[in-house]
Amino acid sequence: MPGDDNMNAVRNEPARAASAIGSGDAAARFAALQAQFKTSYGEIFDDPQYKARGNIAFVSDERAGKHALPNVVPRLTETPGGIDTLGPALGAHNDEVFKGLLGLSDETMQRLRAENVI
């Protein structure tokens, strides 16, 4: 099959480089091996496989604008998952946590806010 020789070389390279660890150039060989497979971050946006698989989720946020994020993997047929938001605003759940779970009073909450604690 075309490319088998290349794949065998790729599969054998880590073992070959590992056996030469003391030689001083093993790190360079590993770097060269890794560089052959890297795709730049900018290239993935135009990659047809990334697009077809939906690997990049684009999420709009009123605070931060539109952002590209790694999507949920694996994408299951019946429950594919997804990203709806970048997350709540800082402090959005303070009342729920400090008052509801910890039982702090309204007065304590006001004091903590005035002191920039929360």
C-alpha atoms as a PDB file:
ATOM      1  CA  MET A   1       0.000   0.000   0.000  1.00  0.00           C
ATOM      2  CA  PRO A   2       1.382   3.480  -0.840  1.00  0.00           C
ATOM      3  CA  GLY A   3       2.866   5.227   2.151  1.00  0.00           C
ATOM      4  CA  ASP A   4       3.470   2.062   4.182  1.00  0.00           C
ATOM      5  CA  ASP A   5       7.232   2.619   4.112  1.00  0.00           C
ATOM      6  CA  ASN A   6       6.742   6.121   5.489  1.00  0.00           C
ATOM      7  CA  MET A   7       4.395   4.924   8.215  1.00  0.00           C
ATOM      8  CA  ASN A   8       6.845   2.180   9.199  1.00  0.00           C
ATOM      9  CA  ALA A   9       9.585   4.788   9.454  1.00  0.00           C
ATOM     10  CA  VAL A  10       7.342   6.973  11.601  1.00  0.00           C
ATOM     11  CA  ARG A  11       6.410   4.056  13.866  1.00  0.00           C
ATOM     12  CA  ASN A  12      10.055   3.012  14.236  1.00  0.00           C
ATOM     13  CA  GLU A  13      11.492   6.480  14.834  1.00  0.00           C
ATOM     14  CA  PRO A  14      10.603   6.789  18.554  1.00  0.00           C
ATOM     15  CA  ALA A  15      12.290   3.472  19.363  1.00  0.00           C
ATOM     16  CA  ARG A  16      15.326   4.390  17.269  1.00  0.00           C
ATOM     17  CA  ALA A  17      15.621   7.814  18.897  1.00  0.00           C
ATOM     18  CA  ALA A  18      15.051   6.414  22.391  1.00  0.00           C
ATOM     19  CA  SER A  19      17.904   3.977  21.922  1.00  0.00           C
ATOM     20  CA  ALA A  20      20.206   6.921  21.165  1.00  0.00           C
ATOM     21  CA  ILE A  21      19.221   9.113  24.145  1.00  0.00           C
ATOM     22  CA  GLY A  22      22.827   9.538  25.249  1.00  0.00           C
ATOM     23  CA  SER A  23      24.002  10.640  21.811  1.00  0.00           C
ATOM     24  CA  GLY A  24      22.964  14.271  22.166  1.00  0.00           C
ATOM     25  CA  ASP A  25      20.796  14.441  19.059  1.00  0.00           C
ATOM     26  CA  ALA A  26      17.792  12.388  20.224  1.00  0.00           C
ATOM     27  CA  ALA A  27      15.894  15.549  21.181  1.00  0.00           C
ATOM     28  CA  ALA A  28      16.477  17.000  17.721  1.00  0.00           C
ATOM     29  CA  ARG A  29      15.193  13.808  16.107  1.00  0.00           C
ATOM     30  CA  PHE A  30      12.057  13.860  18.265  1.00  0.00           C
ATOM     31  CA  ALA A  31      11.495  17.522  17.400  1.00  0.00           C
ATOM     32  CA  ALA A  32      11.833  16.761  13.688  1.00  0.00           C
ATOM     33  CA  LEU A  33       9.396  13.864  13.992  1.00  0.00           C
ATOM     34  CA  GLN A  34       6.814  15.969  15.827  1.00  0.00           C
ATOM     35  CA  ALA A  35       7.176  18.873  13.404  1.00  0.00           C
ATOM     36  CA  GLN A  36       6.095  16.675  10.509  1.00  0.00           C
ATOM     37  CA  PHE A  37       2.601  16.296  11.972  1.00  0.00           C
ATOM     38  CA  LYS A  38       1.906  19.727  13.386  1.00  0.00           C
ATOM     39  CA  THR A  39      -0.751  21.924  11.869  1.00  0.00           C
ATOM     40  CA  SER A  40      -0.617  25.576  12.784  1.00  0.00           C
ATOM     41  CA  TYR A  41      -3.488  26.954  14.792  1.00  0.00           C
ATOM     42  CA  GLY A  42      -4.447  29.210  11.898  1.00  0.00           C
ATOM     43  CA  GLU A  43      -4.566  26.315   9.424  1.00  0.00           C
ATOM     44  CA  ILE A  44      -7.207  24.353  11.322  1.00  0.00           C
ATOM     45  CA  PHE A  45      -9.861  26.963  10.527  1.00  0.00           C
ATOM     46  CA  ASP A  46      -9.546  26.182   6.820  1.00  0.00           C
ATOM     47  CA  ASP A  47      -9.051  22.432   7.221  1.00  0.00           C
ATOM     48  CA  PRO A  48     -11.972  20.539   5.605  1.00  0.00           C
ATOM     49  CA  GLN A  49     -11.754  17.730   8.193  1.00  0.00           C
ATOM     50  CA  TYR A  50     -12.095  20.145  11.116  1.00  0.00           C
ATOM     51  CA  LYS A  51     -15.087  21.739   9.380  1.00  0.00           C
ATOM     52  CA  ALA A  52     -16.755  18.417   8.494  1.00  0.00           C
ATOM     53  CA  ARG A  53     -16.348  17.082  12.030  1.00  0.00           C
ATOM     54  CA  GLY A  54     -17.453  20.323  13.673  1.00  0.00           C
ATOM     55  CA  ASN A  55     -14.272  20.357  15.778  1.00  0.00           C
ATOM     56  CA  ILE A  56     -14.411  24.113  16.268  1.00  0.00           C
ATOM     57  CA  ALA A  57     -17.364  25.706  18.029  1.00  0.00           C
ATOM     58  CA  PHE A  58     -18.013  29.403  17.507  1.00  0.00           C
ATOM     59  CA  VAL A  59     -19.661  30.957  20.546  1.00  0.00           C
ATOM     60  CA  SER A  60     -20.842  34.553  20.878  1.00  0.00           C
ATOM     61  CA  ASP A  61     -20.732  36.226  24.259  1.00  0.00           C
ATOM     62  CA  GLU A  62     -22.081  39.670  25.098  1.00  0.00           C
ATOM     63  CA  ARG A  63     -19.039  40.393  27.275  1.00  0.00           C
ATOM     64  CA  ALA A  64     -16.249  38.972  25.115  1.00  0.00           C
ATOM     65  CA  GLY A  65     -17.577  38.815  21.552  1.00  0.00           C
ATOM     66  CA  LYS A  66     -17.286  35.802  19.261  1.00  0.00           C
ATOM     67  CA  HIS A  67     -14.748  33.106  20.152  1.00  0.00           C
ATOM     68  CA  ALA A  68     -13.616  29.867  18.549  1.00  0.00           C
ATOM     69  CA  LEU A  69     -13.357  26.967  20.999  1.00  0.00           C
ATOM     70  CA  PRO A  70     -12.473  23.284  20.731  1.00  0.00           C
ATOM     71  CA  ASN A  71     -15.811  21.501  20.392  1.00  0.00           C
ATOM     72  CA  VAL A  72     -17.016  18.463  22.314  1.00  0.00           C
ATOM     73  CA  VAL A  73     -15.280  15.244  21.240  1.00  0.00           C
ATOM     74  CA  PRO A  74     -16.456  12.636  20.512  1.00  0.00           C
ATOM     75  CA  ARG A  75     -19.591  13.837  18.730  1.00  0.00           C
ATOM     76  CA  LEU A  76     -22.189  11.173  19.453  1.00  0.00           C
ATOM     77  CA  THR A  77     -25.137  10.714  17.098  1.00  0.00           C
ATOM     78  CA  GLU A  78     -27.948  10.922  19.639  1.00  0.00           C
ATOM     79  CA  THR A  79     -26.242  13.107  22.236  1.00  0.00           C
ATOM     80  CA  PRO A  80     -23.583  15.146  20.393  1.00  0.00           C
ATOM     81  CA  GLY A  81     -22.995  17.708  23.113  1.00  0.00           C
ATOM     82  CA  GLY A  82     -22.122  21.302  22.405  1.00  0.00           C
ATOM     83  CA  ILE A  83     -20.991  24.623  23.797  1.00  0.00           C
ATOM     84  CA  ASP A  84     -23.660  27.268  24.401  1.00  0.00           C
ATOM     85  CA  THR A  85     -21.770  29.830  26.452  1.00  0.00           C
ATOM     86  CA  LEU A  86     -18.324  30.893  27.613  1.00  0.00           C
ATOM     87  CA  GLY A  87     -19.630  30.653  31.174  1.00  0.00           C
ATOM     88  CA  PRO A  88     -21.310  32.926  33.672  1.00  0.00           C
ATOM     89  CA  ALA A  89     -20.020  36.384  34.513  1.00  0.00           C
ATOM     90  CA  LEU A  90     -17.652  36.724  37.451  1.00  0.00           C
ATOM     91  CA  GLY A  91     -19.750  36.784  40.614  1.00  0.00           C
ATOM     92  CA  ALA A  92     -22.972  35.709  38.874  1.00  0.00           C
ATOM     93  CA  HIS A  93     -23.576  33.035  41.512  1.00  0.00           C
ATOM     94  CA  ASN A  94     -22.360  34.922  44.583  1.00  0.00           C
ATOM     95  CA  ASP A  95     -25.808  35.234  46.163  1.00  0.00           C
ATOM     96  CA  GLU A  96     -26.600  31.578  45.518  1.00  0.00           C
ATOM     97  CA  VAL A  97     -23.339  30.465  47.126  1.00  0.00           C
ATOM     98  CA  PHE A  98     -22.785  32.968  49.936  1.00  0.00           C
ATOM     99  CA  LYS A  99     -26.402  33.463  50.973  1.00  0.00           C
ATOM    100  CA  GLY A 100     -28.006  30.214  49.878  1.00  0.00           C
ATOM    101  CA  LEU A 101     -25.286  27.694  50.701  1.00  0.00           C
ATOM    102  CA  LEU A 102     -23.275  29.522  53.373  1.00  0.00           C
ATOM    103  CA  GLY A 103     -26.166  31.385  54.988  1.00  0.00           C
ATOM    104  CA  LEU A 104     -24.631  34.878  54.981  1.00  0.00           C
ATOM    105  CA  SER A 105     -27.017  37.755  55.687  1.00  0.00           C
ATOM    106  CA  ASP A 106     -27.861  40.626  53.350  1.00  0.00           C
ATOM    107  CA  GLU A 107     -25.914  42.967  55.644  1.00  0.00           C
ATOM    108  CA  THR A 108     -22.811  40.779  55.483  1.00  0.00           C
ATOM    109  CA  MET A 109     -23.108  40.552  51.704  1.00  0.00           C
ATOM    110  CA  GLN A 110     -23.344  44.363  51.444  1.00  0.00           C
ATOM    111  CA  ARG A 111     -20.278  44.774  53.677  1.00  0.00           C
ATOM    112  CA  LEU A 112     -18.267  42.238  51.656  1.00  0.00           C
ATOM    113  CA  ARG A 113     -19.209  44.008  48.426  1.00  0.00           C
ATOM    114  CA  ALA A 114     -18.310  47.419  49.909  1.00  0.00           C
ATOM    115  CA  GLU A 115     -14.917  46.029  50.949  1.00  0.00           C
ATOM    116  CA  ASN A 116     -14.420  44.528  47.450  1.00  0.00           C
ATOM    117  CA  VAL A 117     -14.159  41.057  48.928  1.00  0.00           C
ATOM    118  CA  ILE A 118     -16.820  39.782  46.549  1.00  0.00           C
END
